[in-house]
Amino acid sequence: MSQILTEIDEQLDDSVELTALDRCDSCGAQAYVRVTLASGELLFCAHHAAKFREKLEPSALDWHDESGRLNPLPPSGER
């Protein structure tokens, strides 16, 4: 029974989007990246995810990146 619940929990975790309430574990800014490790989860803003990616990615079980939701700056002539 616990194996079934664990599989369901893992599926739910992968499909849950990060919200404005999710905060970066390094600086407290809004989190756009969830890194799942064997020991638990870490949440990062886009800046800290990029900073720690090289070290964490080899041991990460999942790297959920929503930084694509960040809006790019408009071209300089359109402000």
PDB file of N, CA and C in Angstrom:
ATOM      1  N   MET A   1       0.819  -1.195   0.000  1.00  0.00           N
ATOM      2  CA  MET A   1       0.000   0.000   0.000  1.00  0.00           C
ATOM      3  C   MET A   1       0.861   1.257   0.000  1.00  0.00           C
ATOM      4  N   SER A   2       1.930   1.299   0.797  1.00  0.00           N
ATOM      5  CA  SER A   2       2.759   2.504   0.847  1.00  0.00           C
ATOM      6  C   SER A   2       3.474   2.744  -0.473  1.00  0.00           C
ATOM      7  N   GLN A   3       3.799   1.689  -1.199  1.00  0.00           N
ATOM      8  CA  GLN A   3       4.446   1.864  -2.499  1.00  0.00           C
ATOM      9  C   GLN A   3       3.502   2.581  -3.461  1.00  0.00           C
ATOM     10  N   ILE A   4       2.233   2.226  -3.429  1.00  0.00           N
ATOM     11  CA  ILE A   4       1.253   2.872  -4.302  1.00  0.00           C
ATOM     12  C   ILE A   4       1.135   4.348  -3.938  1.00  0.00           C
ATOM     13  N   LEU A   5       1.047   4.658  -2.652  1.00  0.00           N
ATOM     14  CA  LEU A   5       0.945   6.045  -2.227  1.00  0.00           C
ATOM     15  C   LEU A   5       2.187   6.833  -2.615  1.00  0.00           C
ATOM     16  N   THR A   6       3.346   6.221  -2.498  1.00  0.00           N
ATOM     17  CA  THR A   6       4.591   6.887  -2.866  1.00  0.00           C
ATOM     18  C   THR A   6       4.597   7.220  -4.357  1.00  0.00           C
ATOM     19  N   GLU A   7       4.154   6.283  -5.194  1.00  0.00           N
ATOM     20  CA  GLU A   7       4.106   6.529  -6.633  1.00  0.00           C
ATOM     21  C   GLU A   7       3.134   7.647  -6.969  1.00  0.00           C
ATOM     22  N   ILE A   8       1.993   7.688  -6.305  1.00  0.00           N
ATOM     23  CA  ILE A   8       1.016   8.745  -6.536  1.00  0.00           C
ATOM     24  C   ILE A   8       1.582  10.084  -6.095  1.00  0.00           C
ATOM     25  N   ASP A   9       2.226  10.119  -4.926  1.00  0.00           N
ATOM     26  CA  ASP A   9       2.836  11.352  -4.426  1.00  0.00           C
ATOM     27  C   ASP A   9       3.879  11.874  -5.398  1.00  0.00           C
ATOM     28  N   GLU A  10       4.697  11.000  -5.958  1.00  0.00           N
ATOM     29  CA  GLU A  10       5.729  11.420  -6.906  1.00  0.00           C
ATOM     30  C   GLU A  10       5.100  12.007  -8.158  1.00  0.00           C
ATOM     31  N   GLN A  11       4.020  11.404  -8.647  1.00  0.00           N
ATOM     32  CA  GLN A  11       3.343  11.917  -9.837  1.00  0.00           C
ATOM     33  C   GLN A  11       2.743  13.284  -9.566  1.00  0.00           C
ATOM     34  N   LEU A  12       2.160  13.476  -8.388  1.00  0.00           N
ATOM     35  CA  LEU A  12       1.575  14.765  -8.041  1.00  0.00           C
ATOM     36  C   LEU A  12       2.647  15.838  -7.929  1.00  0.00           C
ATOM     37  N   ASP A  13       3.777  15.521  -7.305  1.00  0.00           N
ATOM     38  CA  ASP A  13       4.855  16.492  -7.138  1.00  0.00           C
ATOM     39  C   ASP A  13       5.357  17.004  -8.479  1.00  0.00           C
ATOM     40  N   ASP A  14       5.435  16.129  -9.476  1.00  0.00           N
ATOM     41  CA  ASP A  14       5.937  16.523 -10.783  1.00  0.00           C
ATOM     42  C   ASP A  14       4.967  17.441 -11.514  1.00  0.00           C
ATOM     43  N   SER A  15       3.668  17.301 -11.245  1.00  0.00           N
ATOM     44  CA  SER A  15       2.683  18.067 -11.994  1.00  0.00           C
ATOM     45  C   SER A  15       2.291  19.373 -11.308  1.00  0.00           C
ATOM     46  N   VAL A  16       2.713  19.600 -10.081  1.00  0.00           N
ATOM     47  CA  VAL A  16       2.333  20.801  -9.349  1.00  0.00           C
ATOM     48  C   VAL A  16       3.237  21.956  -9.756  1.00  0.00           C
ATOM     49  N   GLU A  17       2.610  23.025 -10.238  1.00  0.00           N
ATOM     50  CA  GLU A  17       3.381  24.201 -10.641  1.00  0.00           C
ATOM     51  C   GLU A  17       3.827  24.982  -9.412  1.00  0.00           C
ATOM     52  N   LEU A  18       4.922  25.656  -9.548  1.00  0.00           N
ATOM     53  CA  LEU A  18       5.389  26.538  -8.491  1.00  0.00           C
ATOM     54  C   LEU A  18       4.522  27.802  -8.503  1.00  0.00           C
ATOM     55  N   THR A  19       4.292  28.358  -7.316  1.00  0.00           N
ATOM     56  CA  THR A  19       3.467  29.563  -7.203  1.00  0.00           C
ATOM     57  C   THR A  19       4.294  30.685  -6.585  1.00  0.00           C
ATOM     58  N   ALA A  20       3.684  31.840  -6.445  1.00  0.00           N
ATOM     59  CA  ALA A  20       4.361  32.982  -5.829  1.00  0.00           C
ATOM     60  C   ALA A  20       4.669  32.733  -4.365  1.00  0.00           C
ATOM     61  N   LEU A  21       4.020  31.750  -3.765  1.00  0.00           N
ATOM     62  CA  LEU A  21       4.288  31.409  -2.365  1.00  0.00           C
ATOM     63  C   LEU A  21       5.552  30.561  -2.206  1.00  0.00           C
ATOM     64  N   ASP A  22       6.007  29.946  -3.301  1.00  0.00           N
ATOM     65  CA  ASP A  22       7.234  29.144  -3.258  1.00  0.00           C
ATOM     66  C   ASP A  22       8.426  30.087  -3.335  1.00  0.00           C
ATOM     67  N   ARG A  23       9.308  29.994  -2.367  1.00  0.00           N
ATOM     68  CA  ARG A  23      10.421  30.937  -2.251  1.00  0.00           C
ATOM     69  C   ARG A  23      11.766  30.224  -2.385  1.00  0.00           C
ATOM     70  N   CYS A  24      12.732  30.931  -2.935  1.00  0.00           N
ATOM     71  CA  CYS A  24      14.091  30.430  -3.108  1.00  0.00           C
ATOM     72  C   CYS A  24      14.707  30.133  -1.743  1.00  0.00           C
ATOM     73  N   ASP A  25      15.303  28.958  -1.602  1.00  0.00           N
ATOM     74  CA  ASP A  25      15.955  28.577  -0.343  1.00  0.00           C
ATOM     75  C   ASP A  25      17.232  29.371  -0.087  1.00  0.00           C
ATOM     76  N   SER A  26      17.772  30.025  -1.108  1.00  0.00           N
ATOM     77  CA  SER A  26      18.998  30.806  -0.927  1.00  0.00           C
ATOM     78  C   SER A  26      18.739  32.255  -0.567  1.00  0.00           C
ATOM     79  N   CYS A  27      17.742  32.877  -1.228  1.00  0.00           N
ATOM     80  CA  CYS A  27      17.576  34.322  -1.041  1.00  0.00           C
ATOM     81  C   CYS A  27      16.159  34.767  -0.707  1.00  0.00           C
ATOM     82  N   GLY A  28      15.187  33.889  -0.833  1.00  0.00           N
ATOM     83  CA  GLY A  28      13.814  34.243  -0.513  1.00  0.00           C
ATOM     84  C   GLY A  28      13.015  34.831  -1.661  1.00  0.00           C
ATOM     85  N   ALA A  29      13.620  34.977  -2.833  1.00  0.00           N
ATOM     86  CA  ALA A  29      12.884  35.466  -4.004  1.00  0.00           C
ATOM     87  C   ALA A  29      11.927  34.372  -4.482  1.00  0.00           C
ATOM     88  N   GLN A  30      11.044  34.716  -5.415  1.00  0.00           N
ATOM     89  CA  GLN A  30      10.115  33.720  -5.936  1.00  0.00           C
ATOM     90  C   GLN A  30      10.889  32.581  -6.603  1.00  0.00           C
ATOM     91  N   ALA A  31      10.496  31.356  -6.288  1.00  0.00           N
ATOM     92  CA  ALA A  31      11.166  30.178  -6.843  1.00  0.00           C
ATOM     93  C   ALA A  31      10.575  29.825  -8.200  1.00  0.00           C
ATOM     94  N   TYR A  32      11.442  29.523  -9.134  1.00  0.00           N
ATOM     95  CA  TYR A  32      11.047  29.061 -10.458  1.00  0.00           C
ATOM     96  C   TYR A  32      11.621  27.683 -10.772  1.00  0.00           C
ATOM     97  N   VAL A  33      12.435  27.139  -9.867  1.00  0.00           N
ATOM     98  CA  VAL A  33      13.062  25.840 -10.091  1.00  0.00           C
ATOM     99  C   VAL A  33      12.911  24.997  -8.828  1.00  0.00           C
ATOM    100  N   ARG A  34      12.448  23.745  -9.011  1.00  0.00           N
ATOM    101  CA  ARG A  34      12.369  22.781  -7.915  1.00  0.00           C
ATOM    102  C   ARG A  34      13.343  21.653  -8.232  1.00  0.00           C
ATOM    103  N   VAL A  35      14.286  21.429  -7.343  1.00  0.00           N
ATOM    104  CA  VAL A  35      15.256  20.354  -7.519  1.00  0.00           C
ATOM    105  C   VAL A  35      14.926  19.263  -6.505  1.00  0.00           C
ATOM    106  N   THR A  36      14.670  18.068  -6.993  1.00  0.00           N
ATOM    107  CA  THR A  36      14.374  16.946  -6.110  1.00  0.00           C
ATOM    108  C   THR A  36      15.630  16.101  -5.976  1.00  0.00           C
ATOM    109  N   LEU A  37      16.078  15.960  -4.742  1.00  0.00           N
ATOM    110  CA  LEU A  37      17.244  15.135  -4.415  1.00  0.00           C
ATOM    111  C   LEU A  37      16.779  13.938  -3.594  1.00  0.00           C
ATOM    112  N   ALA A  38      17.628  12.962  -3.401  1.00  0.00           N
ATOM    113  CA  ALA A  38      17.276  11.807  -2.582  1.00  0.00           C
ATOM    114  C   ALA A  38      16.937  12.237  -1.157  1.00  0.00           C
ATOM    115  N   SER A  39      17.533  13.324  -0.701  1.00  0.00           N
ATOM    116  CA  SER A  39      17.323  13.792   0.673  1.00  0.00           C
ATOM    117  C   SER A  39      16.156  14.773   0.814  1.00  0.00           C
ATOM    118  N   GLY A  40      15.553  15.220  -0.294  1.00  0.00           N
ATOM    119  CA  GLY A  40      14.434  16.157  -0.231  1.00  0.00           C
ATOM    120  C   GLY A  40      14.437  17.117  -1.402  1.00  0.00           C
ATOM    121  N   GLU A  41      13.727  18.227  -1.242  1.00  0.00           N
ATOM    122  CA  GLU A  41      13.594  19.214  -2.304  1.00  0.00           C
ATOM    123  C   GLU A  41      14.291  20.517  -1.959  1.00  0.00           C
ATOM    124  N   LEU A  42      14.762  21.187  -3.000  1.00  0.00           N
ATOM    125  CA  LEU A  42      15.285  22.546  -2.880  1.00  0.00           C
ATOM    126  C   LEU A  42      14.545  23.405  -3.888  1.00  0.00           C
ATOM    127  N   LEU A  43      14.235  24.627  -3.497  1.00  0.00           N
ATOM    128  CA  LEU A  43      13.604  25.590  -4.398  1.00  0.00           C
ATOM    129  C   LEU A  43      14.574  26.732  -4.644  1.00  0.00           C
ATOM    130  N   PHE A  44      14.642  27.184  -5.900  1.00  0.00           N
ATOM    131  CA  PHE A  44      15.571  28.248  -6.254  1.00  0.00           C
ATOM    132  C   PHE A  44      14.921  29.257  -7.191  1.00  0.00           C
ATOM    133  N   CYS A  45      15.341  30.516  -7.067  1.00  0.00           N
ATOM    134  CA  CYS A  45      15.029  31.512  -8.085  1.00  0.00           C
ATOM    135  C   CYS A  45      15.862  31.128  -9.321  1.00  0.00           C
ATOM    136  N   ALA A  46      15.604  31.774 -10.435  1.00  0.00           N
ATOM    137  CA  ALA A  46      16.335  31.445 -11.664  1.00  0.00           C
ATOM    138  C   ALA A  46      17.832  31.691 -11.502  1.00  0.00           C
ATOM    139  N   HIS A  47      18.204  32.769 -10.801  1.00  0.00           N
ATOM    140  CA  HIS A  47      19.613  33.102 -10.600  1.00  0.00           C
ATOM    141  C   HIS A  47      20.345  32.008  -9.823  1.00  0.00           C
ATOM    142  N   HIS A  48      19.793  31.595  -8.698  1.00  0.00           N
ATOM    143  CA  HIS A  48      20.479  30.591  -7.879  1.00  0.00           C
ATOM    144  C   HIS A  48      20.411  29.192  -8.498  1.00  0.00           C
ATOM    145  N   ALA A  49      19.364  28.916  -9.259  1.00  0.00           N
ATOM    146  CA  ALA A  49      19.304  27.627  -9.967  1.00  0.00           C
ATOM    147  C   ALA A  49      20.455  27.537 -10.965  1.00  0.00           C
ATOM    148  N   ALA A  50      20.700  28.622 -11.684  1.00  0.00           N
ATOM    149  CA  ALA A  50      21.810  28.640 -12.639  1.00  0.00           C
ATOM    150  C   ALA A  50      23.151  28.528 -11.916  1.00  0.00           C
ATOM    151  N   LYS A  51      23.251  29.203 -10.777  1.00  0.00           N
ATOM    152  CA  LYS A  51      24.505  29.198 -10.014  1.00  0.00           C
ATOM    153  C   LYS A  51      24.854  27.805  -9.498  1.00  0.00           C
ATOM    154  N   PHE A  52      23.852  27.049  -9.030  1.00  0.00           N
ATOM    155  CA  PHE A  52      24.107  25.750  -8.402  1.00  0.00           C
ATOM    156  C   PHE A  52      23.856  24.553  -9.317  1.00  0.00           C
ATOM    157  N   ARG A  53      23.426  24.802 -10.544  1.00  0.00           N
ATOM    158  CA  ARG A  53      23.043  23.703 -11.440  1.00  0.00           C
ATOM    159  C   ARG A  53      24.181  22.704 -11.669  1.00  0.00           C
ATOM    160  N   GLU A  54      25.359  23.196 -11.928  1.00  0.00           N
ATOM    161  CA  GLU A  54      26.492  22.307 -12.233  1.00  0.00           C
ATOM    162  C   GLU A  54      26.784  21.352 -11.079  1.00  0.00           C
ATOM    163  N   LYS A  55      26.656  21.842  -9.846  1.00  0.00           N
ATOM    164  CA  LYS A  55      26.931  20.997  -8.683  1.00  0.00           C
ATOM    165  C   LYS A  55      25.783  20.045  -8.366  1.00  0.00           C
ATOM    166  N   LEU A  56      24.540  20.503  -8.538  1.00  0.00           N
ATOM    167  CA  LEU A  56      23.390  19.713  -8.113  1.00  0.00           C
ATOM    168  C   LEU A  56      22.839  18.760  -9.167  1.00  0.00           C
ATOM    169  N   GLU A  57      22.944  19.119 -10.415  1.00  0.00           N
ATOM    170  CA  GLU A  57      22.310  18.316 -11.466  1.00  0.00           C
ATOM    171  C   GLU A  57      22.760  16.853 -11.493  1.00  0.00           C
ATOM    172  N   PRO A  58      24.044  16.548 -11.281  1.00  0.00           N
ATOM    173  CA  PRO A  58      24.437  15.129 -11.308  1.00  0.00           C
ATOM    174  C   PRO A  58      23.733  14.274 -10.251  1.00  0.00           C
ATOM    175  N   SER A  59      23.383  14.845  -9.108  1.00  0.00           N
ATOM    176  CA  SER A  59      22.743  14.066  -8.059  1.00  0.00           C
ATOM    177  C   SER A  59      21.234  14.298  -7.979  1.00  0.00           C
ATOM    178  N   ALA A  60      20.705  15.166  -8.835  1.00  0.00           N
ATOM    179  CA  ALA A  60      19.276  15.476  -8.813  1.00  0.00           C
ATOM    180  C   ALA A  60      18.459  14.336  -9.415  1.00  0.00           C
ATOM    181  N   LEU A  61      17.365  13.998  -8.740  1.00  0.00           N
ATOM    182  CA  LEU A  61      16.431  13.018  -9.283  1.00  0.00           C
ATOM    183  C   LEU A  61      15.511  13.672 -10.304  1.00  0.00           C
ATOM    184  N   ASP A  62      15.221  14.966 -10.098  1.00  0.00           N
ATOM    185  CA  ASP A  62      14.371  15.720 -11.012  1.00  0.00           C
ATOM    186  C   ASP A  62      14.766  17.193 -10.953  1.00  0.00           C
ATOM    187  N   TRP A  63      14.720  17.845 -12.102  1.00  0.00           N
ATOM    188  CA  TRP A  63      15.019  19.278 -12.187  1.00  0.00           C
ATOM    189  C   TRP A  63      13.824  19.919 -12.882  1.00  0.00           C
ATOM    190  N   HIS A  64      12.915  20.485 -12.097  1.00  0.00           N
ATOM    191  CA  HIS A  64      11.679  21.081 -12.606  1.00  0.00           C
ATOM    192  C   HIS A  64      11.910  22.583 -12.762  1.00  0.00           C
ATOM    193  N   ASP A  65      12.001  23.053 -14.010  1.00  0.00           N
ATOM    194  CA  ASP A  65      12.380  24.438 -14.288  1.00  0.00           C
ATOM    195  C   ASP A  65      11.222  25.185 -14.948  1.00  0.00           C
ATOM    196  N   GLU A  66      10.701  26.196 -14.261  1.00  0.00           N
ATOM    197  CA  GLU A  66       9.637  27.037 -14.795  1.00  0.00           C
ATOM    198  C   GLU A  66      10.133  28.450 -15.084  1.00  0.00           C
ATOM    199  N   SER A  67      11.432  28.630 -15.207  1.00  0.00           N
ATOM    200  CA  SER A  67      11.985  29.967 -15.431  1.00  0.00           C
ATOM    201  C   SER A  67      11.560  30.539 -16.784  1.00  0.00           C
ATOM    202  N   GLY A  68      11.058  29.715 -17.666  1.00  0.00           N
ATOM    203  CA  GLY A  68      10.534  30.189 -18.944  1.00  0.00           C
ATOM    204  C   GLY A  68       9.319  31.086 -18.774  1.00  0.00           C
ATOM    205  N   ARG A  69       8.692  31.061 -17.596  1.00  0.00           N
ATOM    206  CA  ARG A  69       7.546  31.933 -17.327  1.00  0.00           C
ATOM    207  C   ARG A  69       7.952  33.378 -17.084  1.00  0.00           C
ATOM    208  N   LEU A  70       9.243  33.608 -16.860  1.00  0.00           N
ATOM    209  CA  LEU A  70       9.720  34.972 -16.651  1.00  0.00           C
ATOM    210  C   LEU A  70       9.584  35.743 -17.957  1.00  0.00           C
ATOM    211  N   ASN A  71       9.051  36.935 -17.885  1.00  0.00           N
ATOM    212  CA  ASN A  71       8.863  37.747 -19.086  1.00  0.00           C
ATOM    213  C   ASN A  71      10.167  38.441 -19.451  1.00  0.00           C
ATOM    214  N   PRO A  72      10.550  38.348 -20.721  1.00  0.00           N
ATOM    215  CA  PRO A  72      11.745  39.069 -21.144  1.00  0.00           C
ATOM    216  C   PRO A  72      11.435  40.569 -21.175  1.00  0.00           C
ATOM    217  N   LEU A  73      12.448  41.371 -21.071  1.00  0.00           N
ATOM    218  CA  LEU A  73      12.281  42.821 -21.171  1.00  0.00           C
ATOM    219  C   LEU A  73      11.862  43.176 -22.589  1.00  0.00           C
ATOM    220  N   PRO A  74      10.996  44.176 -22.747  1.00  0.00           N
ATOM    221  CA  PRO A  74      10.618  44.584 -24.094  1.00  0.00           C
ATOM    222  C   PRO A  74      11.812  45.208 -24.801  1.00  0.00           C
ATOM    223  N   PRO A  75      11.826  45.184 -26.134  1.00  0.00           N
ATOM    224  CA  PRO A  75      12.924  45.846 -26.855  1.00  0.00           C
ATOM    225  C   PRO A  75      13.024  47.299 -26.406  1.00  0.00           C
ATOM    226  N   SER A  76      14.212  47.853 -26.443  1.00  0.00           N
ATOM    227  CA  SER A  76      14.462  49.191 -25.889  1.00  0.00           C
ATOM    228  C   SER A  76      13.584  50.282 -26.491  1.00  0.00           C
ATOM    229  N   GLY A  77      13.118  50.141 -27.701  1.00  0.00           N
ATOM    230  CA  GLY A  77      12.298  51.156 -28.341  1.00  0.00           C
ATOM    231  C   GLY A  77      10.825  51.088 -27.968  1.00  0.00           C
ATOM    232  N   GLU A  78      10.395  50.066 -27.215  1.00  0.00           N
ATOM    233  CA  GLU A  78       8.974  49.876 -26.928  1.00  0.00           C
ATOM    234  C   GLU A  78       8.591  50.212 -25.504  1.00  0.00           C
ATOM    235  N   ARG A  79       9.383  50.905 -24.760  1.00  0.00           N
ATOM    236  CA  ARG A  79       9.032  51.233 -23.370  1.00  0.00           C
ATOM    237  C   ARG A  79       8.090  52.329 -23.321  1.00  0.00           C
TER     238      ARG A  79
END
